[in-house]
N, C-alpha and C. Protein backbone atom coordinates (compact mmCIF):
# COMPACT_ATOMS: atom_id res chain seq x y z
N MET A 1 -27.07 80.91 -29.98
CA MET A 1 -28.44 80.54 -31.22
C MET A 1 -28.57 78.85 -30.61
N SER A 2 -28.98 78.74 -29.02
CA SER A 2 -28.90 77.97 -29.02
C SER A 2 -30.27 77.17 -28.59
N SER A 3 -30.82 75.95 -28.41
CA SER A 3 -32.43 75.23 -28.25
C SER A 3 -32.09 75.24 -26.46
N GLY A 4 -30.89 74.41 -25.97
CA GLY A 4 -30.76 74.09 -24.80
C GLY A 4 -29.75 74.47 -23.31
N GLY A 5 -29.35 76.11 -24.20
CA GLY A 5 -29.30 77.17 -23.40
C GLY A 5 -27.36 77.70 -23.45
N PHE A 6 -26.61 77.50 -23.38
CA PHE A 6 -25.95 78.02 -23.62
C PHE A 6 -24.56 77.20 -24.38
N ILE A 7 -24.53 75.84 -24.07
CA ILE A 7 -23.04 75.00 -24.89
C ILE A 7 -24.14 74.13 -26.33
N GLY A 8 -23.84 74.45 -27.43
CA GLY A 8 -24.38 73.38 -28.49
C GLY A 8 -23.08 73.13 -29.72
N ILE A 9 -24.14 72.66 -30.81
CA ILE A 9 -23.10 72.17 -31.49
C ILE A 9 -22.05 72.91 -32.46
N THR A 10 -22.11 74.05 -31.78
CA THR A 10 -20.92 75.49 -32.04
C THR A 10 -19.75 74.85 -31.47
N ASP A 11 -20.34 75.09 -29.70
CA ASP A 11 -19.52 74.13 -28.80
C ASP A 11 -18.10 73.18 -29.16
N GLU A 12 -19.47 72.01 -29.77
CA GLU A 12 -18.74 70.61 -29.70
C GLU A 12 -17.69 71.17 -31.01
N GLY A 13 -18.37 71.77 -32.12
CA GLY A 13 -16.99 72.31 -32.92
C GLY A 13 -15.84 72.13 -33.03
N LEU A 14 -15.89 73.70 -32.11
CA LEU A 14 -14.87 74.03 -31.38
C LEU A 14 -14.20 73.30 -30.80
N ALA A 15 -14.66 72.76 -30.31
CA ALA A 15 -13.83 71.72 -28.48
C ALA A 15 -13.27 70.34 -29.13
N ALA A 16 -13.58 69.79 -30.54
CA ALA A 16 -13.23 68.93 -31.15
C ALA A 16 -11.63 69.62 -31.94
N LEU A 17 -11.13 70.93 -32.43
CA LEU A 17 -10.56 71.62 -32.52
C LEU A 17 -9.58 72.55 -31.16
N GLY A 18 -9.88 71.37 -30.42
CA GLY A 18 -8.96 72.44 -29.45
C GLY A 18 -9.16 74.00 -29.05
N LEU A 19 -10.50 74.76 -29.43
CA LEU A 19 -10.78 76.42 -29.14
C LEU A 19 -12.17 75.69 -28.68
N SER A 20 -12.64 77.22 -28.51
CA SER A 20 -13.49 77.53 -27.67
C SER A 20 -14.07 79.24 -27.44
N ARG A 21 -15.04 79.18 -26.99
CA ARG A 21 -15.73 80.60 -27.51
C ARG A 21 -16.32 81.46 -26.39
N ARG A 22 -16.09 82.50 -26.67
CA ARG A 22 -16.92 83.56 -25.61
C ARG A 22 -18.64 84.02 -25.68
N VAL A 23 -19.54 83.31 -25.13
CA VAL A 23 -20.95 83.85 -25.45
C VAL A 23 -21.14 84.88 -24.75
N CYS A 24 -21.25 85.60 -24.92
CA CYS A 24 -21.89 87.33 -24.71
C CYS A 24 -23.88 87.23 -24.70
N ALA A 25 -24.34 86.72 -25.31
CA ALA A 25 -25.64 86.89 -25.03
C ALA A 25 -26.33 84.75 -25.99
N SER A 26 -27.42 84.28 -25.42
CA SER A 26 -27.98 83.53 -25.77
C SER A 26 -30.05 83.68 -25.71
N THR A 27 -29.72 83.12 -27.09
CA THR A 27 -31.88 83.54 -27.58
C THR A 27 -32.15 81.60 -28.03
N THR A 28 -33.55 81.55 -27.61
CA THR A 28 -33.84 80.54 -28.52
C THR A 28 -34.77 80.78 -29.15
N HIS A 29 -35.14 82.32 -29.63
CA HIS A 29 -35.48 82.55 -31.01
C HIS A 29 -34.49 83.27 -32.01
N PHE A 30 -34.69 82.69 -33.66
CA PHE A 30 -33.95 83.33 -34.05
C PHE A 30 -34.41 84.71 -34.78
N ALA A 31 -35.80 85.49 -34.33
CA ALA A 31 -36.25 86.50 -34.16
C ALA A 31 -35.31 87.42 -33.18
N ALA A 32 -34.84 86.62 -32.45
CA ALA A 32 -34.26 87.74 -31.60
C ALA A 32 -32.92 88.56 -32.20
N LEU A 33 -32.28 87.46 -33.30
CA LEU A 33 -31.19 87.99 -33.23
C LEU A 33 -30.67 89.35 -34.28
N PRO A 34 -31.51 89.59 -35.16
CA PRO A 34 -30.73 91.04 -35.31
C PRO A 34 -30.94 92.01 -34.15
N HIS A 35 -31.45 91.80 -33.20
CA HIS A 35 -31.24 92.96 -31.99
C HIS A 35 -30.47 92.77 -31.27
N LEU A 36 -29.82 91.47 -31.08
CA LEU A 36 -28.43 91.09 -30.44
C LEU A 36 -27.26 91.15 -31.30
N LEU A 37 -27.32 91.28 -32.70
CA LEU A 37 -26.57 91.08 -33.14
C LEU A 37 -25.98 92.84 -33.56
N LYS A 38 -27.02 93.29 -34.74
CA LYS A 38 -26.79 94.45 -35.25
C LYS A 38 -26.24 95.64 -33.88
N GLY A 39 -25.06 95.93 -34.45
CA GLY A 39 -24.23 97.08 -34.01
C GLY A 39 -23.42 96.51 -32.98
N SER A 40 -22.85 94.78 -32.84
CA SER A 40 -21.57 94.58 -32.00
C SER A 40 -20.79 93.88 -33.03
N GLN A 41 -20.02 93.01 -32.18
CA GLN A 41 -18.98 92.75 -33.31
C GLN A 41 -19.37 91.06 -33.38
N ALA A 42 -20.46 90.41 -32.40
CA ALA A 42 -20.84 89.16 -32.30
C ALA A 42 -21.05 88.70 -33.55
N VAL A 43 -21.05 87.08 -33.49
CA VAL A 43 -21.77 86.27 -34.78
C VAL A 43 -22.55 85.44 -34.15
N ALA A 44 -23.24 84.75 -34.60
CA ALA A 44 -24.38 83.76 -34.74
C ALA A 44 -23.69 82.56 -35.98
N THR A 45 -24.10 81.59 -35.23
CA THR A 45 -24.03 80.47 -36.29
C THR A 45 -25.23 79.49 -35.74
N ILE A 46 -26.24 79.38 -37.27
CA ILE A 46 -26.89 79.10 -37.62
C ILE A 46 -27.43 77.91 -38.79
N PRO A 47 -28.45 78.06 -39.19
CA PRO A 47 -29.11 77.02 -40.14
C PRO A 47 -28.88 78.29 -41.33
N ALA A 48 -28.37 77.37 -42.61
CA ALA A 48 -28.07 79.05 -43.78
C ALA A 48 -29.21 78.70 -44.39
N HIS A 49 -30.47 78.66 -44.35
CA HIS A 49 -31.70 78.75 -44.25
C HIS A 49 -32.06 80.24 -44.07
N ALA A 50 -32.01 79.88 -42.79
CA ALA A 50 -32.30 80.76 -41.66
C ALA A 50 -31.65 82.79 -41.78
N ALA A 51 -30.37 81.53 -41.81
CA ALA A 51 -29.20 83.15 -42.04
C ALA A 51 -29.91 83.99 -42.82
N GLN A 52 -29.75 83.78 -44.18
CA GLN A 52 -30.06 84.00 -45.50
C GLN A 52 -31.75 85.29 -45.09
N SER A 53 -32.65 84.06 -44.34
CA SER A 53 -34.07 84.59 -44.57
C SER A 53 -33.61 86.15 -43.22
N ILE A 54 -33.41 86.09 -41.93
CA ILE A 54 -32.62 87.16 -41.38
C ILE A 54 -31.83 88.26 -41.45
N ALA A 55 -30.84 87.86 -43.05
CA ALA A 55 -29.64 88.93 -43.43
C ALA A 55 -30.80 89.85 -44.27
N ALA A 56 -31.69 88.92 -44.99
CA ALA A 56 -32.86 90.10 -46.28
C ALA A 56 -33.48 91.07 -45.34
N LEU A 57 -33.86 90.22 -44.66
CA LEU A 57 -35.13 91.73 -43.55
C LEU A 57 -34.21 92.43 -42.92
N SER A 58 -32.57 91.88 -42.43
CA SER A 58 -32.53 93.16 -41.09
C SER A 58 -31.28 93.87 -41.93
N GLY A 59 -30.61 93.20 -43.33
CA GLY A 59 -28.92 93.61 -43.52
C GLY A 59 -28.35 93.42 -43.07
N LEU A 60 -27.76 92.29 -41.90
CA LEU A 60 -26.99 91.75 -41.63
C LEU A 60 -26.19 90.69 -42.82
N ALA A 61 -24.89 90.14 -42.40
CA ALA A 61 -23.83 89.91 -43.46
C ALA A 61 -24.35 88.48 -43.26
N VAL A 62 -24.09 87.19 -44.03
CA VAL A 62 -23.81 86.19 -43.98
C VAL A 62 -22.14 85.74 -45.19
N LEU A 63 -21.70 85.08 -43.90
CA LEU A 63 -21.09 83.83 -44.23
C LEU A 63 -20.88 83.20 -43.58
N PRO A 64 -19.89 81.99 -45.10
CA PRO A 64 -20.02 80.46 -44.53
C PRO A 64 -19.37 79.70 -43.56
N CYS A 65 -20.03 79.18 -42.87
CA CYS A 65 -19.47 79.02 -41.12
C CYS A 65 -17.72 78.72 -41.31
N PRO A 66 -16.93 78.59 -40.77
CA PRO A 66 -15.10 78.33 -40.76
C PRO A 66 -14.96 76.96 -40.34
N LEU A 67 -16.19 76.20 -39.25
CA LEU A 67 -16.57 74.95 -38.78
C LEU A 67 -17.17 74.23 -39.55
N ASP A 68 -16.30 72.70 -39.68
CA ASP A 68 -17.27 71.47 -40.29
C ASP A 68 -18.27 71.21 -38.93
N LEU A 69 -19.40 71.28 -39.57
CA LEU A 69 -20.24 70.95 -38.22
C LEU A 69 -21.27 69.80 -38.67
N PRO A 70 -21.82 69.13 -37.88
CA PRO A 70 -22.42 67.62 -38.47
C PRO A 70 -23.50 68.05 -38.51
N ARG A 71 -24.15 67.81 -39.40
CA ARG A 71 -25.71 67.71 -39.63
C ARG A 71 -26.86 67.73 -38.22
N TYR A 72 -27.67 68.61 -38.24
CA TYR A 72 -28.83 67.81 -36.80
C TYR A 72 -29.05 67.01 -37.19
N PRO A 73 -30.31 66.30 -36.46
CA PRO A 73 -31.24 65.20 -36.75
C PRO A 73 -32.59 66.01 -37.03
N ILE A 74 -33.40 65.38 -37.43
CA ILE A 74 -34.84 66.00 -37.45
C ILE A 74 -35.88 65.21 -36.67
N GLU A 75 -36.15 65.30 -36.41
CA GLU A 75 -37.37 64.18 -35.52
C GLU A 75 -38.45 64.51 -35.44
N LEU A 76 -39.43 63.82 -35.26
CA LEU A 76 -40.95 64.29 -35.38
C LEU A 76 -41.86 62.82 -34.73
N GLY A 77 -42.53 63.34 -33.50
CA GLY A 77 -42.99 62.61 -32.95
C GLY A 77 -44.39 62.10 -32.90
N TRP A 78 -45.26 61.44 -32.74
CA TRP A 78 -47.03 62.00 -32.91
C TRP A 78 -47.08 60.46 -31.33
N ARG A 79 -48.67 60.45 -31.20
CA ARG A 79 -49.36 59.13 -30.50
C ARG A 79 -49.96 58.34 -31.21
N THR A 80 -49.59 57.10 -31.38
CA THR A 80 -50.20 56.20 -31.84
C THR A 80 -51.26 54.96 -31.20
N SER A 81 -51.00 55.57 -29.59
CA SER A 81 -52.08 55.05 -29.06
C SER A 81 -53.80 55.18 -29.16
N THR A 82 -53.83 56.42 -30.30
CA THR A 82 -55.37 56.77 -29.92
C THR A 82 -55.46 57.05 -31.64
N PRO A 83 -56.48 57.13 -32.26
CA PRO A 83 -56.52 57.20 -33.49
C PRO A 83 -56.58 59.07 -34.18
N LEU A 84 -56.02 58.94 -34.67
CA LEU A 84 -55.27 60.41 -34.95
C LEU A 84 -56.40 61.25 -35.90
N ASP A 85 -56.35 62.68 -35.09
CA ASP A 85 -57.07 63.68 -36.12
C ASP A 85 -56.93 63.21 -37.74
N PRO A 86 -57.97 63.25 -38.74
CA PRO A 86 -57.58 63.57 -40.07
C PRO A 86 -56.95 65.07 -40.42
N VAL A 87 -56.69 66.19 -39.96
CA VAL A 87 -55.43 66.43 -40.68
C VAL A 87 -54.44 66.53 -40.09
N VAL A 88 -54.35 65.53 -39.35
CA VAL A 88 -52.77 65.24 -38.62
C VAL A 88 -52.64 63.98 -39.48
N LEU A 89 -53.15 63.24 -39.51
CA LEU A 89 -52.77 62.28 -40.60
C LEU A 89 -52.97 62.61 -41.73
N LYS A 90 -53.11 63.25 -42.60
CA LYS A 90 -52.69 64.39 -43.72
C LYS A 90 -51.46 64.79 -43.58
N VAL A 91 -51.01 65.61 -42.42
CA VAL A 91 -49.95 65.84 -42.49
C VAL A 91 -48.90 65.24 -42.41
N HIS A 92 -48.90 63.76 -41.59
CA HIS A 92 -48.28 62.45 -41.37
C HIS A 92 -48.10 62.03 -42.33
N GLU A 93 -48.87 61.76 -43.64
CA GLU A 93 -48.63 61.18 -44.77
C GLU A 93 -47.50 62.69 -45.63
N ALA A 94 -47.97 63.79 -45.81
CA ALA A 94 -47.18 64.73 -46.30
C ALA A 94 -45.56 64.48 -45.86
N ILE A 95 -45.31 64.17 -44.10
CA ILE A 95 -44.34 64.58 -43.94
C ILE A 95 -43.38 63.15 -44.47
N VAL A 96 -43.70 62.26 -44.41
CA VAL A 96 -43.47 60.98 -44.74
C VAL A 96 -43.35 60.93 -46.53
N ALA A 97 -44.17 61.33 -46.92
CA ALA A 97 -43.93 61.30 -48.51
C ALA A 97 -43.00 62.67 -48.82
N SER A 98 -42.52 63.16 -47.98
CA SER A 98 -41.32 64.27 -48.00
C SER A 98 -39.84 63.72 -47.94
N PHE A 99 -39.82 62.55 -46.94
CA PHE A 99 -38.90 62.05 -46.53
C PHE A 99 -38.48 60.98 -47.52
N ALA A 100 -39.79 60.43 -47.56
CA ALA A 100 -39.56 59.41 -49.12
C ALA A 100 -38.71 59.41 -49.66
N ARG A 101 -38.99 60.59 -50.46
CA ARG A 101 -38.39 61.55 -51.83
C ARG A 101 -37.03 61.96 -51.75
N THR A 102 -36.54 61.93 -50.96
CA THR A 102 -35.10 62.67 -50.48
C THR A 102 -33.98 61.27 -50.23
N GLN A 103 -34.29 60.60 -50.19
CA GLN A 103 -33.51 59.17 -49.58
C GLN A 103 -33.11 58.66 -50.93
């Protein structure tokens, strides 16, 4: 599972330990994972919330990640040069408020 191709956070974690992996398939879509994993010996390293949802729907097993991986950043951007649509402004306010509560 990688948004940018075959190299991702898992490869970086393995490289820090002097290890590597063999990639047999790559996808940017979580929905493709059950089809790629079922009936194979392949594994996917994905966020826990996604793994639990996929397992509940597909019958695949969820195991703890054997690597100590860093957390990945969450980024949000929007145009500030033009007035925001009122709906977009409400979403923006909700997002900012939810992060303020977690800090």
